[in-house]
Amino acid sequence: ETGPSQNDIDTWAVALTAEQKISDHLTVKSLTSYREIDAFFSRSSDGTPFTIFQTTDDYHQTQFTEEVQFIGTSLHGRLEWVGGLFYMTEQASNLSFLESDLSSFPRLIGGEAQNDNFAVFAESTFAVTDKLHITGGLRYTFEDKRFLPTSIIVGDDVPVVPPVKKNLSFNELTWRSSLT
């Protein structure tokens, strides 16, 4: 190989689950988590003694999530339900540096991303009998994704792709039903 091979990943995460019983029929639960990843990769990807394709990646990512659940049962215990809110945010960046003896080959690619997700959900199960249950649920999700690419540089530092921010947003209502 023509270049160094390296794989260095540092990651850590923390999660907290807290639960509070409000009454005999209602519990509130919080699920919180945070994660970070820092990574550096380097490799010669062409498998030859020439510098045709040597890459180095510098990657960073953080993510935070929070979910609050309201969990309940009816007075007679035949109806169980859960409803709640979910939120996730993520920031990431990845820069790939490419070395090549080919002067027209790109030398810098990658970019930065930010994702945000919010959801509201509810589901309930009714015990018709001890052996027959009907379940139904809804979830509304809104997600927003943003990406800012890094310019691709060739030859004498000429940008081929100028950084243009890309946005994608969507929302969707999904459902679930079952008979067990």
C-alpha atoms as a PDB file:
ATOM      1  CA  GLU A   1       0.000   0.000   0.000  1.00  0.00           C
ATOM      2  CA  THR A   2       1.050   3.568  -0.616  1.00  0.00           C
ATOM      3  CA  GLY A   3      -0.474   5.237   2.414  1.00  0.00           C
ATOM      4  CA  PRO A   4      -1.119   4.634   6.075  1.00  0.00           C
ATOM      5  CA  SER A   5      -4.056   2.537   7.217  1.00  0.00           C
ATOM      6  CA  GLN A   6      -5.773   3.853  10.309  1.00  0.00           C
ATOM      7  CA  ASN A   7      -9.103   3.334  12.030  1.00  0.00           C
ATOM      8  CA  ASP A   8      -9.620   5.456  15.143  1.00  0.00           C
ATOM      9  CA  ILE A   9     -13.159   5.702  16.546  1.00  0.00           C
ATOM     10  CA  ASP A  10     -14.065   7.415  19.813  1.00  0.00           C
ATOM     11  CA  THR A  11     -17.694   7.131  20.841  1.00  0.00           C
ATOM     12  CA  TRP A  12     -19.657   7.618  24.006  1.00  0.00           C
ATOM     13  CA  ALA A  13     -23.300   7.762  24.952  1.00  0.00           C
ATOM     14  CA  VAL A  14     -25.481   8.309  27.950  1.00  0.00           C
ATOM     15  CA  ALA A  15     -29.123   7.343  28.467  1.00  0.00           C
ATOM     16  CA  LEU A  16     -31.592   8.055  31.245  1.00  0.00           C
ATOM     17  CA  THR A  17     -34.991   6.472  31.794  1.00  0.00           C
ATOM     18  CA  ALA A  18     -37.198   8.038  34.453  1.00  0.00           C
ATOM     19  CA  GLU A  19     -40.659   6.822  35.399  1.00  0.00           C
ATOM     20  CA  GLN A  20     -43.256   8.326  37.707  1.00  0.00           C
ATOM     21  CA  LYS A  21     -46.501   6.635  38.681  1.00  0.00           C
ATOM     22  CA  ILE A  22     -49.145   9.389  38.838  1.00  0.00           C
ATOM     23  CA  SER A  23     -52.013   7.124  39.893  1.00  0.00           C
ATOM     24  CA  ASP A  24     -52.996   3.457  39.782  1.00  0.00           C
ATOM     25  CA  HIS A  25     -53.971   3.978  36.143  1.00  0.00           C
ATOM     26  CA  LEU A  26     -51.427   6.503  34.809  1.00  0.00           C
ATOM     27  CA  THR A  27     -47.619   6.454  34.531  1.00  0.00           C
ATOM     28  CA  VAL A  28     -45.350   9.040  32.885  1.00  0.00           C
ATOM     29  CA  LYS A  29     -42.050   7.827  31.451  1.00  0.00           C
ATOM     30  CA  SER A  30     -39.132   9.839  30.035  1.00  0.00           C
ATOM     31  CA  LEU A  31     -36.419   8.298  27.836  1.00  0.00           C
ATOM     32  CA  THR A  32     -33.475  10.637  27.172  1.00  0.00           C
ATOM     33  CA  SER A  33     -30.236   9.859  25.347  1.00  0.00           C
ATOM     34  CA  TYR A  34     -27.178  11.601  23.940  1.00  0.00           C
ATOM     35  CA  ARG A  35     -24.415  10.181  21.718  1.00  0.00           C
ATOM     36  CA  GLU A  36     -21.171  11.453  20.176  1.00  0.00           C
ATOM     37  CA  ILE A  37     -18.907   9.834  17.606  1.00  0.00           C
ATOM     38  CA  ASP A  38     -15.503  11.106  16.490  1.00  0.00           C
ATOM     39  CA  ALA A  39     -13.728   8.992  13.914  1.00  0.00           C
ATOM     40  CA  PHE A  40     -10.683   9.175  11.694  1.00  0.00           C
ATOM     41  CA  PHE A  41     -10.113   6.626   8.907  1.00  0.00           C
ATOM     42  CA  SER A  42      -7.250   6.370   6.444  1.00  0.00           C
ATOM     43  CA  ARG A  43      -6.655   3.708   3.807  1.00  0.00           C
ATOM     44  CA  SER A  44      -5.194   2.959   0.425  1.00  0.00           C
ATOM     45  CA  SER A  45      -8.209   1.641  -1.450  1.00  0.00           C
ATOM     46  CA  ASP A  46      -6.688   0.700  -4.799  1.00  0.00           C
ATOM     47  CA  GLY A  47      -4.532  -2.251  -3.690  1.00  0.00           C
ATOM     48  CA  THR A  48      -1.570  -1.200  -5.828  1.00  0.00           C
ATOM     49  CA  PRO A  49       1.910   0.213  -5.098  1.00  0.00           C
ATOM     50  CA  PHE A  50       0.789   3.473  -6.792  1.00  0.00           C
ATOM     51  CA  THR A  51      -1.142   6.370  -5.255  1.00  0.00           C
ATOM     52  CA  ILE A  52      -4.283   5.909  -7.308  1.00  0.00           C
ATOM     53  CA  PHE A  53      -6.864   6.036  -4.565  1.00  0.00           C
ATOM     54  CA  GLN A  54      -5.778   6.952  -1.010  1.00  0.00           C
ATOM     55  CA  THR A  55      -8.557   8.261   1.238  1.00  0.00           C
ATOM     56  CA  THR A  56      -8.716   9.858   4.663  1.00  0.00           C
ATOM     57  CA  ASP A  57     -12.036  10.519   6.413  1.00  0.00           C
ATOM     58  CA  ASP A  58     -12.667  12.853   9.345  1.00  0.00           C
ATOM     59  CA  TYR A  59     -16.154  12.120  10.770  1.00  0.00           C
ATOM     60  CA  HIS A  60     -18.042  13.720  13.670  1.00  0.00           C
ATOM     61  CA  GLN A  61     -21.627  13.114  14.816  1.00  0.00           C
ATOM     62  CA  THR A  62     -23.815  14.101  17.773  1.00  0.00           C
ATOM     63  CA  GLN A  63     -27.365  12.969  18.449  1.00  0.00           C
ATOM     64  CA  PHE A  64     -29.936  13.789  21.129  1.00  0.00           C
ATOM     65  CA  THR A  65     -33.310  12.086  21.621  1.00  0.00           C
ATOM     66  CA  GLU A  66     -36.153  12.611  24.057  1.00  0.00           C
ATOM     67  CA  GLU A  67     -39.354  10.606  24.316  1.00  0.00           C
ATOM     68  CA  VAL A  68     -42.135  11.204  26.832  1.00  0.00           C
ATOM     69  CA  GLN A  69     -44.716   8.451  27.238  1.00  0.00           C
ATOM     70  CA  PHE A  70     -48.061   8.531  29.043  1.00  0.00           C
ATOM     71  CA  ILE A  71     -49.014   4.956  29.865  1.00  0.00           C
ATOM     72  CA  GLY A  72     -52.422   4.046  31.223  1.00  0.00           C
ATOM     73  CA  THR A  73     -55.067   1.435  31.884  1.00  0.00           C
ATOM     74  CA  SER A  74     -58.813   1.674  32.347  1.00  0.00           C
ATOM     75  CA  LEU A  75     -60.452   1.142  35.721  1.00  0.00           C
ATOM     76  CA  HIS A  76     -61.429  -2.416  34.791  1.00  0.00           C
ATOM     77  CA  GLY A  77     -58.073  -3.246  33.171  1.00  0.00           C
ATOM     78  CA  ARG A  78     -59.503  -4.175  29.760  1.00  0.00           C
ATOM     79  CA  LEU A  79     -58.069  -1.106  28.006  1.00  0.00           C
ATOM     80  CA  GLU A  80     -54.347  -0.346  27.958  1.00  0.00           C
ATOM     81  CA  TRP A  81     -52.936   2.670  26.137  1.00  0.00           C
ATOM     82  CA  VAL A  82     -49.773   4.658  25.523  1.00  0.00           C
ATOM     83  CA  GLY A  83     -49.386   8.099  24.009  1.00  0.00           C
ATOM     84  CA  GLY A  84     -46.521  10.486  23.784  1.00  0.00           C
ATOM     85  CA  LEU A  85     -44.054  12.743  22.060  1.00  0.00           C
ATOM     86  CA  PHE A  86     -40.702  11.995  20.428  1.00  0.00           C
ATOM     87  CA  TYR A  87     -37.887  14.384  19.424  1.00  0.00           C
ATOM     88  CA  MET A  88     -34.516  13.692  17.797  1.00  0.00           C
ATOM     89  CA  THR A  89     -31.822  16.058  16.567  1.00  0.00           C
ATOM     90  CA  GLU A  90     -28.564  15.093  14.898  1.00  0.00           C
ATOM     91  CA  GLN A  91     -25.571  16.999  13.546  1.00  0.00           C
ATOM     92  CA  ALA A  92     -22.872  15.275  11.512  1.00  0.00           C
ATOM     93  CA  SER A  93     -19.926  16.149   9.330  1.00  0.00           C
ATOM     94  CA  ASN A  94     -17.755  13.959   7.153  1.00  0.00           C
ATOM     95  CA  LEU A  95     -14.840  15.200   5.093  1.00  0.00           C
ATOM     96  CA  SER A  96     -13.075  12.773   2.775  1.00  0.00           C
ATOM     97  CA  PHE A  97      -9.664  13.759   1.510  1.00  0.00           C
ATOM     98  CA  LEU A  98      -8.535  11.846  -1.562  1.00  0.00           C
ATOM     99  CA  GLU A  99      -4.973  11.589  -2.837  1.00  0.00           C
ATOM    100  CA  SER A 100      -4.235  10.486  -6.342  1.00  0.00           C
ATOM    101  CA  ASP A 101      -1.485  10.621  -8.916  1.00  0.00           C
ATOM    102  CA  LEU A 102      -4.282  11.408 -11.374  1.00  0.00           C
ATOM    103  CA  SER A 103      -4.418  15.223 -11.408  1.00  0.00           C
ATOM    104  CA  SER A 104      -8.084  15.367 -12.427  1.00  0.00           C
ATOM    105  CA  PHE A 105      -9.295  13.200  -9.539  1.00  0.00           C
ATOM    106  CA  PRO A 106     -11.406  14.909  -6.821  1.00  0.00           C
ATOM    107  CA  ARG A 107      -9.495  15.733  -3.649  1.00  0.00           C
ATOM    108  CA  LEU A 108     -12.128  16.824  -1.131  1.00  0.00           C
ATOM    109  CA  ILE A 109     -15.690  15.588  -0.766  1.00  0.00           C
ATOM    110  CA  GLY A 110     -18.212  15.236   2.042  1.00  0.00           C
ATOM    111  CA  GLY A 111     -20.297  17.733   3.902  1.00  0.00           C
ATOM    112  CA  GLU A 112     -22.374  18.605   6.922  1.00  0.00           C
ATOM    113  CA  ALA A 113     -25.822  17.279   7.807  1.00  0.00           C
ATOM    114  CA  GLN A 114     -28.469  18.232  10.339  1.00  0.00           C
ATOM    115  CA  ASN A 115     -31.593  16.164  10.918  1.00  0.00           C
ATOM    116  CA  ASP A 116     -34.558  16.959  13.155  1.00  0.00           C
ATOM    117  CA  ASN A 117     -37.491  14.637  13.824  1.00  0.00           C
ATOM    118  CA  PHE A 118     -40.651  15.224  15.855  1.00  0.00           C
ATOM    119  CA  ALA A 119     -43.520  12.776  16.384  1.00  0.00           C
ATOM    120  CA  VAL A 120     -46.782  12.467  18.291  1.00  0.00           C
ATOM    121  CA  PHE A 121     -48.135   8.952  18.839  1.00  0.00           C
ATOM    122  CA  ALA A 122     -50.914   6.982  20.543  1.00  0.00           C
ATOM    123  CA  GLU A 123     -51.850   3.324  20.676  1.00  0.00           C
ATOM    124  CA  SER A 124     -54.415   1.365  22.660  1.00  0.00           C
ATOM    125  CA  THR A 125     -55.335  -2.273  23.123  1.00  0.00           C
ATOM    126  CA  PHE A 126     -58.768  -3.416  24.223  1.00  0.00           C
ATOM    127  CA  ALA A 127     -59.226  -6.920  25.643  1.00  0.00           C
ATOM    128  CA  VAL A 128     -62.542  -8.100  24.184  1.00  0.00           C
ATOM    129  CA  THR A 129     -62.042 -11.388  26.036  1.00  0.00           C
ATOM    130  CA  ASP A 130     -59.080 -12.896  27.855  1.00  0.00           C
ATOM    131  CA  LYS A 131     -57.853 -14.310  24.527  1.00  0.00           C
ATOM    132  CA  LEU A 132     -59.039 -11.702  21.984  1.00  0.00           C
ATOM    133  CA  HIS A 133     -57.443  -8.242  21.783  1.00  0.00           C
ATOM    134  CA  ILE A 134     -57.985  -5.330  19.382  1.00  0.00           C
ATOM    135  CA  THR A 135     -55.112  -2.854  18.947  1.00  0.00           C
ATOM    136  CA  GLY A 136     -55.078   0.440  17.088  1.00  0.00           C
ATOM    137  CA  GLY A 137     -52.554   3.246  16.885  1.00  0.00           C
ATOM    138  CA  LEU A 138     -51.573   6.449  15.076  1.00  0.00           C
ATOM    139  CA  ARG A 139     -48.280   8.283  14.669  1.00  0.00           C
ATOM    140  CA  TYR A 140     -47.709  11.676  13.071  1.00  0.00           C
ATOM    141  CA  THR A 141     -44.069  12.351  12.135  1.00  0.00           C
ATOM    142  CA  PHE A 142     -42.418  15.521  10.885  1.00  0.00           C
ATOM    143  CA  GLU A 143     -38.804  15.305   9.703  1.00  0.00           C
ATOM    144  CA  ASP A 144     -36.448  17.975   8.398  1.00  0.00           C
ATOM    145  CA  LYS A 145     -33.098  17.047   6.801  1.00  0.00           C
ATOM    146  CA  ARG A 146     -30.439  19.550   5.711  1.00  0.00           C
ATOM    147  CA  PHE A 147     -27.169  18.827   3.935  1.00  0.00           C
ATOM    148  CA  LEU A 148     -24.385  21.211   2.926  1.00  0.00           C
ATOM    149  CA  PRO A 149     -21.909  19.427   0.625  1.00  0.00           C
ATOM    150  CA  THR A 150     -18.254  20.297   0.507  1.00  0.00           C
ATOM    151  CA  SER A 151     -16.942  21.417  -2.868  1.00  0.00           C
ATOM    152  CA  ILE A 152     -15.289  18.779  -4.968  1.00  0.00           C
ATOM    153  CA  ILE A 153     -11.846  20.089  -5.885  1.00  0.00           C
ATOM    154  CA  VAL A 154      -9.889  18.872  -8.916  1.00  0.00           C
ATOM    155  CA  GLY A 155      -6.564  19.711 -10.483  1.00  0.00           C
ATOM    156  CA  ASP A 156      -5.398  23.183  -9.507  1.00  0.00           C
ATOM    157  CA  ASP A 157      -7.959  23.758  -6.717  1.00  0.00           C
ATOM    158  CA  VAL A 158     -10.828  24.357  -9.149  1.00  0.00           C
ATOM    159  CA  PRO A 159     -14.227  23.710  -7.493  1.00  0.00           C
ATOM    160  CA  VAL A 160     -16.412  21.460  -9.644  1.00  0.00           C
ATOM    161  CA  VAL A 161     -19.485  21.441  -7.384  1.00  0.00           C
ATOM    162  CA  PRO A 162     -20.137  24.609  -5.402  1.00  0.00           C
ATOM    163  CA  PRO A 163     -21.611  23.980  -1.969  1.00  0.00           C
ATOM    164  CA  VAL A 164     -25.393  24.230  -2.289  1.00  0.00           C
ATOM    165  CA  LYS A 165     -27.487  23.482   0.760  1.00  0.00           C
ATOM    166  CA  LYS A 166     -30.047  20.728   0.224  1.00  0.00           C
ATOM    167  CA  ASN A 167     -33.241  20.591   2.301  1.00  0.00           C
ATOM    168  CA  LEU A 168     -35.771  17.806   2.567  1.00  0.00           C
ATOM    169  CA  SER A 169     -38.814  18.008   4.816  1.00  0.00           C
ATOM    170  CA  PHE A 170     -41.723  15.643   5.071  1.00  0.00           C
ATOM    171  CA  ASN A 171     -44.545  14.642   7.352  1.00  0.00           C
ATOM    172  CA  GLU A 172     -46.576  11.499   7.466  1.00  0.00           C
ATOM    173  CA  LEU A 173     -49.442   9.979   9.392  1.00  0.00           C
ATOM    174  CA  THR A 174     -49.019   6.228   9.878  1.00  0.00           C
ATOM    175  CA  TRP A 175     -51.318   3.765  11.563  1.00  0.00           C
ATOM    176  CA  ARG A 176     -51.368   0.268  12.965  1.00  0.00           C
ATOM    177  CA  SER A 177     -54.179  -2.133  13.738  1.00  0.00           C
ATOM    178  CA  SER A 178     -54.196  -5.738  14.838  1.00  0.00           C
ATOM    179  CA  LEU A 179     -56.462  -8.433  16.123  1.00  0.00           C
ATOM    180  CA  THR A 180     -54.792 -11.028  18.334  1.00  0.00           C
END
